[in-house]
Amino acid sequence: MNEFLEHGLNQNRRKFLSKLSMGLGGLALGSLLVPGMFDGANEEEIFTKVLPHFAPKAKRIIYLFQNGAPSQLDLYDYKPMLQQMHGKDLPASIRNGQRLTGMTANQTKFPLAGTRFNFSQHGSNGAWFSETIPHIASIADDLCIVKTMYTEAINHDPALTFFQTGAQVGNRPSMGSWISYGLGSENKNLPAFCVLLSKGKGNGQGVYSKLWNNGFLDSIHQGVQFSSGEEPVKYLSDPDFMERNDKRAILDELAALNQESYKNIGDPEIVAKIQQYELSYRMQMEVPEITSLQNEPESIVKMYGPECLVPGTYAANCLLARKLSENGVRFVQLYHQGWDGHGNLPNELIGQCKDVDRASAALVKDLKQRGLLDETLVIWGGEFGRTNYCQGALTKDNYGRDHHPRCFTIWMAGGGVKPGVHGETDDFGYNINTLPVHVHDFHATIMHLMGVNHEEFTFKHLGRRYRLTDVSGNVINELIS
């Protein structure tokens, strides 16, 4: 399978079929590996779907999603104007009639809130960082800091779904599923797409399985969720009384029954199930070793912090993400909840930063010292930003911020991105001055780094060709080295 995926551009239909059994198993496998192989689709279209269109800069992705929307104004986007105008009303000309959430729509005043935290410049580009994230500041020269992300979504669920699937409604394949479908896994014993969850100390927003759903793609491309319990992947272990040879015999019999069903019904999802069973069988040998963190050297524990040995913490998930990535997982998706700072934001943000600062920086440093950062794209950010004005009561030391989709900050590292600060917001941190980057542009750029032309990478479903970027999106070349 992997050999075919790696060399598929040199194949045609005749060569493919000559190398596979012409029996039912070969036909089923062919339909799974290359959707459209047997429905008369154009050969060139088929093979450009499943392979890089050009040499990629990145081979894999680790996405550190900060669920709930971190406040860019308290972390990365330093605005002295807000300090000077703390407590004064936001000029109507700056807000310019922007749609508000139900939480601030009834406010008659919008008092500006300067950050409670000190900022300082770091790295050769003099990027500004809050005192709450000193470890991330220490890797400033490795970071591509995008201050001008924007989205239309103003509430958590559609905004989060938009970032993960390219659409604000559900039932679309997630980004990880698209990557799995197109590029596959580098390790046949592990999924191409893995999901890790952690909870912070702040106000949390939920995450749901639709965010790592395969949508209309084959179910083999759905994200595999790892848990913090004794069984990292649920239902992977066999009962104590079952020998591995017994499991092999059961799977062989099950595959034969499923192939007979496929012969009678013709549902390709049956073949996907066969592949899932085989993958789980292979995972039984590899997952326990990868998920064990107890044998990590002291230097690594010191780098990530002692919490990295506590399963389910953000630090442990960052370390596990590195292990999964270096073992061939294409897309590792982390979600860290707790960033929804509508009230008591400064105190909640301190706790959130304590959770993520050290481990986020350690992941980048760890990949770099292993020679993996150049080919691994690390992404850090949330679903939108936070307002420059206060939601509710404002005091000198305490404030809350509402949702702000017009401009917010994310950063990336490695994987062919260009280090530095990209784009600028206005003096109020409310609107974008230069280099706007929409969610679709973000997706198009990530696909480009992975060697994929986002406009050509499509899947036909219900008579329409879908893609991650829908009908929009431009590659932002300024972000690419």
Protein backbone atom coordinates (compact mmCIF):
# COMPACT_ATOMS: atom_id res chain seq x y z
CA MET A 1 0.00 0.00 0.00
CA ASN A 2 2.63 2.54 1.02
CA GLU A 3 4.76 1.64 -2.02
CA PHE A 4 1.80 2.33 -4.27
CA LEU A 5 1.02 5.63 -2.57
CA GLU A 6 4.64 6.71 -2.89
CA HIS A 7 4.99 5.84 -6.56
CA GLY A 8 1.42 6.17 -7.80
CA LEU A 9 2.20 8.98 -10.24
CA ASN A 10 4.20 6.49 -12.29
CA GLN A 11 1.27 4.07 -12.42
CA ASN A 12 -1.61 3.68 -14.81
CA ARG A 13 -4.70 1.52 -14.58
CA ARG A 14 -3.13 -1.40 -16.47
CA LYS A 15 0.04 -1.41 -14.37
CA PHE A 16 -1.96 -1.15 -11.17
CA LEU A 17 -4.20 -4.08 -12.01
CA SER A 18 -1.27 -6.17 -13.22
CA LYS A 19 0.37 -5.88 -9.82
CA LEU A 20 -2.73 -6.74 -7.84
CA SER A 21 -4.71 -9.93 -7.73
CA MET A 22 -7.68 -9.77 -10.04
CA GLY A 23 -9.77 -11.43 -7.40
CA LEU A 24 -12.26 -9.72 -5.15
CA GLY A 25 -9.63 -8.70 -2.64
CA GLY A 26 -7.58 -6.91 -5.28
CA LEU A 27 -10.59 -5.08 -6.66
CA ALA A 28 -11.74 -4.06 -3.20
CA LEU A 29 -8.29 -2.84 -2.23
CA GLY A 30 -7.98 -0.93 -5.47
CA SER A 31 -11.28 0.84 -4.91
CA LEU A 32 -10.18 1.83 -1.43
CA LEU A 33 -6.68 3.01 -2.30
CA VAL A 34 -7.75 4.92 -5.39
CA PRO A 35 -11.37 6.12 -5.23
CA GLY A 36 -12.80 6.17 -8.73
CA MET A 37 -10.52 3.44 -10.10
CA PHE A 38 -13.45 1.39 -11.34
CA ASP A 39 -16.05 4.04 -12.11
CA GLY A 40 -14.59 5.35 -15.34
CA ALA A 41 -12.97 8.43 -13.81
CA ASN A 42 -10.09 10.11 -15.63
CA GLU A 43 -6.77 8.43 -14.75
CA GLU A 44 -4.86 11.68 -14.31
CA GLU A 45 -7.55 13.00 -11.97
CA ILE A 46 -7.46 9.80 -9.92
CA PHE A 47 -3.75 9.72 -9.28
CA THR A 48 -3.33 13.43 -8.60
CA LYS A 49 -5.75 13.05 -5.67
CA VAL A 50 -3.72 10.65 -3.63
CA LEU A 51 -0.19 11.97 -3.97
CA PRO A 52 1.66 15.28 -3.52
CA HIS A 53 1.35 17.50 -6.58
CA PHE A 54 4.88 18.83 -6.02
CA ALA A 55 7.77 18.41 -3.61
CA PRO A 56 6.48 19.16 -0.10
CA LYS A 57 8.26 21.34 2.43
CA ALA A 58 6.55 19.52 5.32
CA LYS A 59 5.88 15.82 5.73
CA ARG A 60 3.68 15.97 8.79
CA ILE A 61 1.68 18.38 10.99
CA ILE A 62 1.22 18.86 14.73
CA TYR A 63 -1.65 21.26 15.42
CA LEU A 64 -1.77 22.66 18.96
CA PHE A 65 -5.32 24.02 18.97
CA GLN A 66 -6.07 26.38 21.85
CA ASN A 67 -9.80 25.88 22.20
CA GLY A 68 -11.79 28.88 23.42
CA ALA A 69 -9.75 31.64 21.72
CA PRO A 70 -6.65 32.99 23.51
CA SER A 71 -6.44 36.74 23.90
CA GLN A 72 -3.91 37.96 21.35
CA LEU A 73 -3.81 41.34 23.10
CA ASP A 74 -2.54 39.71 26.30
CA LEU A 75 -0.08 37.36 24.59
CA TYR A 76 1.36 38.55 21.26
CA ASP A 77 -0.18 41.75 19.90
CA TYR A 78 1.14 44.53 22.13
CA LYS A 79 -0.83 47.79 21.84
CA PRO A 80 0.43 50.75 23.92
CA MET A 81 -2.63 52.72 22.76
CA LEU A 82 -4.85 50.46 24.85
CA GLN A 83 -2.70 51.12 27.91
CA GLN A 84 -3.03 54.87 27.36
CA MET A 85 -6.79 54.74 26.77
CA HIS A 86 -7.64 52.14 29.42
CA GLY A 87 -11.26 52.67 30.49
CA LYS A 88 -12.14 55.06 27.66
CA ASP A 89 -14.82 54.11 25.16
CA LEU A 90 -13.88 52.44 21.87
CA PRO A 91 -14.39 54.99 19.06
CA ALA A 92 -17.39 54.08 16.91
CA SER A 93 -15.27 54.70 13.80
CA ILE A 94 -12.99 51.82 14.82
CA ARG A 95 -15.80 49.35 15.54
CA ASN A 96 -17.58 50.49 12.38
CA GLY A 97 -20.81 48.63 13.14
CA GLN A 98 -19.27 45.20 13.57
CA ARG A 99 -21.71 42.43 14.47
CA LEU A 100 -21.47 41.57 18.18
CA THR A 101 -22.23 38.46 20.15
CA GLY A 102 -25.28 38.29 22.39
CA MET A 103 -22.98 38.77 25.38
CA THR A 104 -22.05 42.37 24.52
CA ALA A 105 -24.75 43.40 22.04
CA ASN A 106 -26.66 45.17 24.82
CA GLN A 107 -23.68 47.13 26.12
CA THR A 108 -23.98 50.87 25.59
CA LYS A 109 -20.33 51.46 26.38
CA PHE A 110 -17.25 49.56 25.19
CA PRO A 111 -14.45 50.48 27.61
CA LEU A 112 -11.00 49.75 26.23
CA ALA A 113 -8.97 47.30 28.30
CA GLY A 114 -5.20 47.55 28.30
CA THR A 115 -3.39 44.34 29.17
CA ARG A 116 -2.40 43.70 32.76
CA PHE A 117 0.81 42.04 31.65
CA ASN A 118 4.22 43.39 30.75
CA PHE A 119 5.51 42.86 27.22
CA SER A 120 9.08 42.66 25.92
CA GLN A 121 10.75 42.07 22.58
CA HIS A 122 12.56 38.86 21.67
CA GLY A 123 14.47 37.37 18.76
CA SER A 124 16.17 38.96 15.80
CA ASN A 125 12.86 40.43 14.57
CA GLY A 126 11.99 42.03 17.89
CA ALA A 127 8.68 40.21 18.24
CA TRP A 128 6.59 41.20 21.27
CA PHE A 129 5.65 38.58 23.86
CA SER A 130 3.76 38.75 27.12
CA GLU A 131 5.53 37.91 30.37
CA THR A 132 3.11 34.99 30.71
CA ILE A 133 4.82 33.01 27.89
CA PRO A 134 8.61 33.27 28.49
CA HIS A 135 9.33 29.81 27.04
CA ILE A 136 7.52 30.53 23.77
CA ALA A 137 9.36 33.86 23.66
CA SER A 138 12.65 31.94 23.88
CA ILE A 139 11.96 30.32 20.48
CA ALA A 140 11.03 33.62 18.79
CA ASP A 141 13.48 33.10 15.94
CA ASP A 142 11.80 29.80 15.02
CA LEU A 143 8.29 31.24 14.89
CA CYS A 144 6.22 32.48 11.98
CA ILE A 145 3.87 34.80 13.87
CA VAL A 146 0.74 35.73 11.93
CA LYS A 147 -1.03 38.64 13.62
CA THR A 148 -3.69 39.09 10.98
CA MET A 149 -5.82 35.96 10.90
CA TYR A 150 -9.53 36.62 10.47
CA THR A 151 -12.78 34.70 10.14
CA GLU A 152 -16.50 35.39 9.67
CA ALA A 153 -17.60 33.11 12.51
CA ILE A 154 -18.30 34.91 15.77
CA ASN A 155 -19.36 32.01 18.03
CA HIS A 156 -17.26 29.08 19.22
CA ASP A 157 -18.85 26.08 17.56
CA PRO A 158 -19.00 27.41 13.98
CA ALA A 159 -15.61 29.10 14.34
CA LEU A 160 -13.94 25.96 15.68
CA THR A 161 -15.65 23.80 13.04
CA PHE A 162 -14.53 26.25 10.34
CA PHE A 163 -10.87 25.97 11.33
CA GLN A 164 -10.99 22.21 11.50
CA THR A 165 -13.11 21.41 8.43
CA GLY A 166 -13.19 24.49 6.19
CA ALA A 167 -16.94 24.91 6.76
CA GLN A 168 -18.99 26.35 9.62
CA VAL A 169 -21.46 23.46 9.53
CA GLY A 170 -20.73 19.86 10.44
CA ASN A 171 -20.44 16.68 8.36
CA ARG A 172 -17.40 17.81 6.38
CA PRO A 173 -14.04 16.01 6.54
CA SER A 174 -11.58 17.54 8.96
CA MET A 175 -8.20 18.83 7.84
CA GLY A 176 -6.52 15.76 9.27
CA SER A 177 -8.88 13.50 7.34
CA TRP A 178 -8.08 15.32 4.09
CA ILE A 179 -4.36 14.86 4.77
CA SER A 180 -4.91 11.19 5.59
CA TYR A 181 -6.93 10.67 2.41
CA GLY A 182 -4.36 12.35 0.19
CA LEU A 183 -1.05 11.36 1.74
CA GLY A 184 -1.69 8.41 4.01
CA SER A 185 0.50 7.41 6.94
CA GLU A 186 4.25 6.95 6.85
CA ASN A 187 3.87 4.01 9.23
CA LYS A 188 1.50 1.17 8.30
CA ASN A 189 1.21 0.26 11.99
CA LEU A 190 -0.22 3.64 13.03
CA PRO A 191 -3.12 5.81 11.87
CA ALA A 192 -2.40 8.77 9.63
CA PHE A 193 -4.50 11.04 11.89
CA CYS A 194 -4.43 11.03 15.71
CA VAL A 195 -6.28 13.24 18.23
CA LEU A 196 -5.25 14.20 21.77
CA LEU A 197 -7.38 16.13 24.30
CA SER A 198 -6.51 18.10 27.44
CA LYS A 199 -8.34 20.51 29.75
CA GLY A 200 -6.97 23.69 31.24
CA LYS A 201 -7.97 25.60 34.34
CA GLY A 202 -9.89 28.36 32.59
CA ASN A 203 -13.43 28.62 31.28
CA GLY A 204 -13.80 25.71 28.87
CA GLN A 205 -15.56 25.18 25.56
CA GLY A 206 -16.40 21.66 24.46
CA VAL A 207 -14.81 19.73 21.63
CA TYR A 208 -16.75 17.12 19.69
CA SER A 209 -15.92 14.16 17.50
CA LYS A 210 -17.29 15.97 14.44
CA LEU A 211 -14.06 18.01 14.55
CA TRP A 212 -11.99 14.97 13.62
CA ASN A 213 -14.69 13.30 11.55
CA ASN A 214 -14.03 11.79 8.12
CA GLY A 215 -17.25 13.29 6.70
CA PHE A 216 -17.89 11.83 3.25
CA LEU A 217 -14.41 10.27 3.02
CA ASP A 218 -13.87 6.59 3.88
CA SER A 219 -13.99 6.00 7.63
CA ILE A 220 -10.36 4.85 7.68
CA HIS A 221 -9.52 8.58 7.49
CA GLN A 222 -11.31 9.53 10.72
CA GLY A 223 -9.05 10.76 13.51
CA VAL A 224 -8.16 8.13 16.11
CA GLN A 225 -8.64 9.59 19.59
CA PHE A 226 -6.09 8.73 22.28
CA SER A 227 -7.19 8.84 25.91
CA SER A 228 -5.37 9.34 29.21
CA GLY A 229 -6.65 6.11 30.76
CA GLU A 230 -4.97 2.75 31.10
CA GLU A 231 -5.98 1.97 27.51
CA PRO A 232 -4.69 4.82 25.29
CA VAL A 233 -6.86 3.70 22.36
CA LYS A 234 -10.23 2.32 23.40
CA TYR A 235 -11.12 -1.25 22.45
CA LEU A 236 -7.63 -1.90 21.06
CA SER A 237 -6.58 -4.50 23.63
CA ASP A 238 -7.66 -8.14 23.48
CA PRO A 239 -9.18 -10.05 26.42
CA ASP A 240 -6.60 -11.78 28.61
CA PHE A 241 -7.64 -15.22 27.40
CA MET A 242 -7.08 -14.43 23.70
CA GLU A 243 -3.78 -15.31 22.04
CA ARG A 244 -2.47 -13.24 19.14
CA ASN A 245 -2.72 -16.23 16.77
CA ASP A 246 -6.39 -16.54 17.72
CA LYS A 247 -6.93 -12.88 16.89
CA ARG A 248 -5.25 -13.37 13.51
CA ALA A 249 -7.52 -16.31 12.71
CA ILE A 250 -10.63 -14.33 13.71
CA LEU A 251 -9.62 -11.40 11.49
CA ASP A 252 -8.99 -13.69 8.53
CA GLU A 253 -12.44 -15.23 8.89
CA LEU A 254 -14.02 -11.81 9.35
CA ALA A 255 -12.24 -10.47 6.26
CA ALA A 256 -13.57 -13.39 4.21
CA LEU A 257 -17.13 -12.67 5.37
CA ASN A 258 -16.74 -8.96 4.69
CA GLN A 259 -15.37 -9.63 1.21
CA GLU A 260 -18.39 -11.80 0.49
CA SER A 261 -20.61 -8.95 1.67
CA TYR A 262 -18.74 -6.53 -0.56
CA LYS A 263 -19.25 -8.87 -3.51
CA ASN A 264 -23.01 -8.88 -2.90
CA ILE A 265 -23.52 -5.28 -1.83
CA GLY A 266 -20.64 -3.32 -3.35
CA ASP A 267 -20.37 -0.82 -0.45
CA PRO A 268 -16.75 0.44 -0.32
CA GLU A 269 -17.17 1.13 3.40
CA ILE A 270 -16.99 -2.64 3.92
CA VAL A 271 -13.46 -2.60 2.53
CA ALA A 272 -12.64 0.36 4.80
CA LYS A 273 -13.75 -1.73 7.77
CA ILE A 274 -11.42 -4.54 6.71
CA GLN A 275 -8.57 -2.04 6.66
CA GLN A 276 -9.53 -0.67 10.06
CA TYR A 277 -9.49 -4.14 11.60
CA GLU A 278 -6.07 -4.82 10.11
CA LEU A 279 -4.74 -1.46 11.32
CA SER A 280 -5.98 -2.08 14.85
CA TYR A 281 -4.25 -5.47 14.81
CA ARG A 282 -0.95 -3.84 13.85
CA MET A 283 -1.47 -0.99 16.33
CA GLN A 284 -1.61 -3.48 19.19
CA MET A 285 2.14 -4.00 18.82
CA GLU A 286 3.17 -0.36 18.36
CA VAL A 287 0.84 1.82 20.44
CA PRO A 288 1.85 0.57 23.93
CA GLU A 289 5.50 1.41 23.32
CA ILE A 290 4.83 4.82 21.81
CA THR A 291 2.38 5.90 24.51
CA SER A 292 4.70 4.91 27.34
CA LEU A 293 6.39 8.08 28.61
CA GLN A 294 8.14 6.59 31.62
CA ASN A 295 11.33 5.74 29.73
CA GLU A 296 11.96 9.28 28.48
CA PRO A 297 15.41 10.59 29.53
CA GLU A 298 15.63 13.13 32.32
CA SER A 299 16.68 15.84 29.87
CA ILE A 300 13.39 15.48 27.97
CA VAL A 301 11.30 15.50 31.16
CA LYS A 302 13.11 18.65 32.26
CA MET A 303 12.46 20.27 28.90
CA TYR A 304 8.71 19.57 28.85
CA GLY A 305 8.23 19.85 32.60
CA PRO A 306 7.25 17.21 35.19
CA GLU A 307 3.60 17.23 34.05
CA CYS A 308 4.68 15.50 30.85
CA LEU A 309 4.68 12.24 32.84
CA VAL A 310 1.02 12.70 33.82
CA PRO A 311 -1.18 11.22 31.05
CA GLY A 312 -3.81 13.58 29.70
CA THR A 313 -2.01 16.81 30.51
CA TYR A 314 -1.09 19.25 27.78
CA ALA A 315 2.61 18.59 28.41
CA ALA A 316 2.14 14.82 28.14
CA ASN A 317 0.18 15.27 24.93
CA CYS A 318 2.89 17.49 23.42
CA LEU A 319 5.48 14.82 24.18
CA LEU A 320 3.20 12.11 22.81
CA ALA A 321 2.63 14.21 19.69
CA ARG A 322 6.37 14.28 19.09
CA LYS A 323 6.58 10.51 19.49
CA LEU A 324 3.64 9.89 17.17
CA SER A 325 4.99 12.31 14.60
CA GLU A 326 8.50 10.89 14.56
CA ASN A 327 6.98 7.44 14.13
CA GLY A 328 5.16 8.38 10.96
CA VAL A 329 1.77 9.86 11.92
CA ARG A 330 0.95 12.50 9.32
CA PHE A 331 -1.39 14.69 11.36
CA VAL A 332 -1.50 14.97 15.15
CA GLN A 333 -4.29 17.19 16.44
CA LEU A 334 -4.22 18.48 20.03
CA TYR A 335 -7.09 20.36 21.66
CA HIS A 336 -6.48 22.26 24.89
CA GLN A 337 -9.63 23.69 26.46
CA GLY A 338 -9.99 26.64 28.83
CA TRP A 339 -9.29 29.86 26.86
CA ASP A 340 -12.81 31.36 26.90
CA GLY A 341 -11.96 34.51 28.83
CA HIS A 342 -15.23 36.45 29.14
CA GLY A 343 -14.54 37.37 32.76
CA ASN A 344 -11.58 37.13 35.11
CA LEU A 345 -9.42 36.80 32.01
CA PRO A 346 -6.03 37.78 33.50
CA ASN A 347 -6.14 35.16 36.26
CA GLU A 348 -7.45 32.44 33.96
CA LEU A 349 -4.85 33.30 31.34
CA ILE A 350 -2.03 32.87 33.85
CA GLY A 351 -3.20 29.32 34.54
CA GLN A 352 -3.61 28.53 30.85
CA CYS A 353 -0.15 29.81 30.03
CA LYS A 354 1.32 27.77 32.85
CA ASP A 355 -0.20 24.72 31.19
CA VAL A 356 0.94 25.37 27.63
CA ASP A 357 3.94 27.73 27.54
CA ARG A 358 6.75 25.41 28.53
CA ALA A 359 5.49 22.35 26.67
CA SER A 360 4.71 24.23 23.44
CA ALA A 361 8.23 25.62 23.31
CA ALA A 362 9.69 22.25 24.32
CA LEU A 363 7.95 20.54 21.41
CA VAL A 364 9.56 22.92 18.92
CA LYS A 365 12.97 22.60 20.59
CA ASP A 366 12.68 18.82 20.80
CA LEU A 367 11.80 18.47 17.12
CA LYS A 368 14.65 20.82 16.23
CA GLN A 369 17.29 18.92 18.20
CA ARG A 370 16.15 15.68 16.55
CA GLY A 371 16.42 17.16 13.07
CA LEU A 372 12.66 16.87 12.55
CA LEU A 373 11.49 20.49 12.70
CA ASP A 374 12.31 21.30 9.07
CA GLU A 375 9.88 18.62 7.90
CA THR A 376 7.27 18.98 10.67
CA LEU A 377 4.83 21.90 10.68
CA VAL A 378 3.78 22.97 14.20
CA ILE A 379 0.71 25.23 14.47
CA TRP A 380 -0.48 27.08 17.62
CA GLY A 381 -3.71 29.09 17.83
CA GLY A 382 -7.45 29.26 18.49
CA GLU A 383 -10.68 29.81 16.57
CA PHE A 384 -10.78 33.63 16.78
CA GLY A 385 -9.40 36.43 18.93
CA ARG A 386 -10.53 38.63 21.80
CA THR A 387 -11.91 42.17 21.82
CA ASN A 388 -9.90 45.21 22.85
CA TYR A 389 -12.84 46.38 24.96
CA CYS A 390 -14.09 44.85 28.18
CA GLN A 391 -17.13 42.67 28.49
CA GLY A 392 -18.94 43.71 31.64
CA ALA A 393 -17.27 45.55 34.52
CA LEU A 394 -13.73 46.85 34.07
CA THR A 395 -11.23 47.35 36.88
CA LYS A 396 -7.53 48.09 36.88
CA ASP A 397 -6.52 44.47 37.36
CA ASN A 398 -9.49 42.49 36.05
CA TYR A 399 -11.42 42.39 32.81
CA GLY A 400 -13.04 40.04 30.34
CA ARG A 401 -12.93 40.09 26.56
CA ASP A 402 -15.61 39.00 24.10
CA HIS A 403 -15.09 37.13 20.80
CA HIS A 404 -13.27 39.02 18.06
CA PRO A 405 -13.11 37.49 14.57
CA ARG A 406 -11.66 40.52 12.75
CA CYS A 407 -8.03 39.93 13.71
CA PHE A 408 -6.11 37.53 15.92
CA THR A 409 -2.74 35.84 16.21
CA ILE A 410 -1.52 32.34 15.47
CA TRP A 411 2.02 31.06 15.10
CA MET A 412 3.66 28.29 13.16
CA ALA A 413 7.13 26.74 13.26
CA GLY A 414 9.16 24.46 11.01
CA GLY A 415 7.71 22.77 7.94
CA GLY A 416 8.83 25.40 5.45
CA VAL A 417 7.33 28.52 7.05
CA LYS A 418 9.21 31.80 7.15
CA PRO A 419 10.15 32.94 10.69
CA GLY A 420 9.26 36.49 11.62
CA VAL A 421 6.23 38.67 12.32
CA HIS A 422 3.75 38.80 9.45
CA GLY A 423 1.00 41.38 9.15
CA GLU A 424 0.02 44.25 11.43
CA THR A 425 -3.20 45.31 13.13
CA ASP A 426 -4.21 48.91 13.84
CA ASP A 427 -3.20 50.81 16.97
CA PHE A 428 -6.33 49.58 18.74
CA GLY A 429 -5.74 45.93 17.83
CA TYR A 430 -9.20 45.87 16.27
CA ASN A 431 -8.74 45.86 12.50
CA ILE A 432 -6.11 44.58 10.06
CA ASN A 433 -3.70 47.02 8.45
CA THR A 434 -1.54 44.69 6.32
CA LEU A 435 -1.49 41.06 5.08
CA PRO A 436 -4.95 39.72 5.97
CA VAL A 437 -5.04 35.90 6.21
CA HIS A 438 -8.45 34.27 6.02
CA VAL A 439 -9.13 30.75 7.30
CA HIS A 440 -9.34 29.49 3.70
CA ASP A 441 -5.98 31.14 2.95
CA PHE A 442 -4.54 29.45 6.02
CA HIS A 443 -5.75 26.05 4.81
CA ALA A 444 -4.51 26.67 1.27
CA THR A 445 -1.06 27.58 2.61
CA ILE A 446 -0.86 24.52 4.86
CA MET A 447 -1.84 22.28 1.93
CA HIS A 448 0.84 23.93 -0.20
CA LEU A 449 3.47 23.23 2.46
CA MET A 450 2.40 19.57 2.35
CA GLY A 451 2.88 19.50 -1.43
CA VAL A 452 -0.81 19.70 -2.29
CA ASN A 453 -2.54 22.12 -4.68
CA HIS A 454 -5.70 22.88 -2.71
CA GLU A 455 -7.71 23.70 -5.84
CA GLU A 456 -7.00 20.32 -7.45
CA PHE A 457 -7.38 18.20 -4.33
CA THR A 458 -11.09 17.39 -4.40
CA PHE A 459 -13.57 14.63 -3.65
CA LYS A 460 -16.82 14.13 -5.54
CA HIS A 461 -19.82 13.72 -3.23
CA LEU A 462 -23.51 13.90 -4.14
CA GLY A 463 -22.69 15.31 -7.57
CA ARG A 464 -20.40 18.10 -6.35
CA ARG A 465 -16.64 18.30 -5.99
CA TYR A 466 -15.63 19.33 -2.48
CA ARG A 467 -12.30 20.51 -1.14
CA LEU A 468 -10.99 21.73 2.21
CA THR A 469 -10.95 25.35 1.01
CA ASP A 470 -14.46 25.12 -0.50
CA VAL A 471 -14.45 27.62 -3.41
CA SER A 472 -11.98 30.11 -1.96
CA GLY A 473 -8.51 30.47 -0.46
CA ASN A 474 -5.13 31.70 -1.69
CA VAL A 475 -1.65 30.50 -0.78
CA ILE A 476 0.03 33.24 1.28
CA ASN A 477 3.53 33.15 -0.16
CA GLU A 478 4.82 35.66 2.40
CA LEU A 479 4.54 32.91 5.04
CA ILE A 480 6.63 30.39 3.08
CA SER A 481 10.42 30.25 3.25
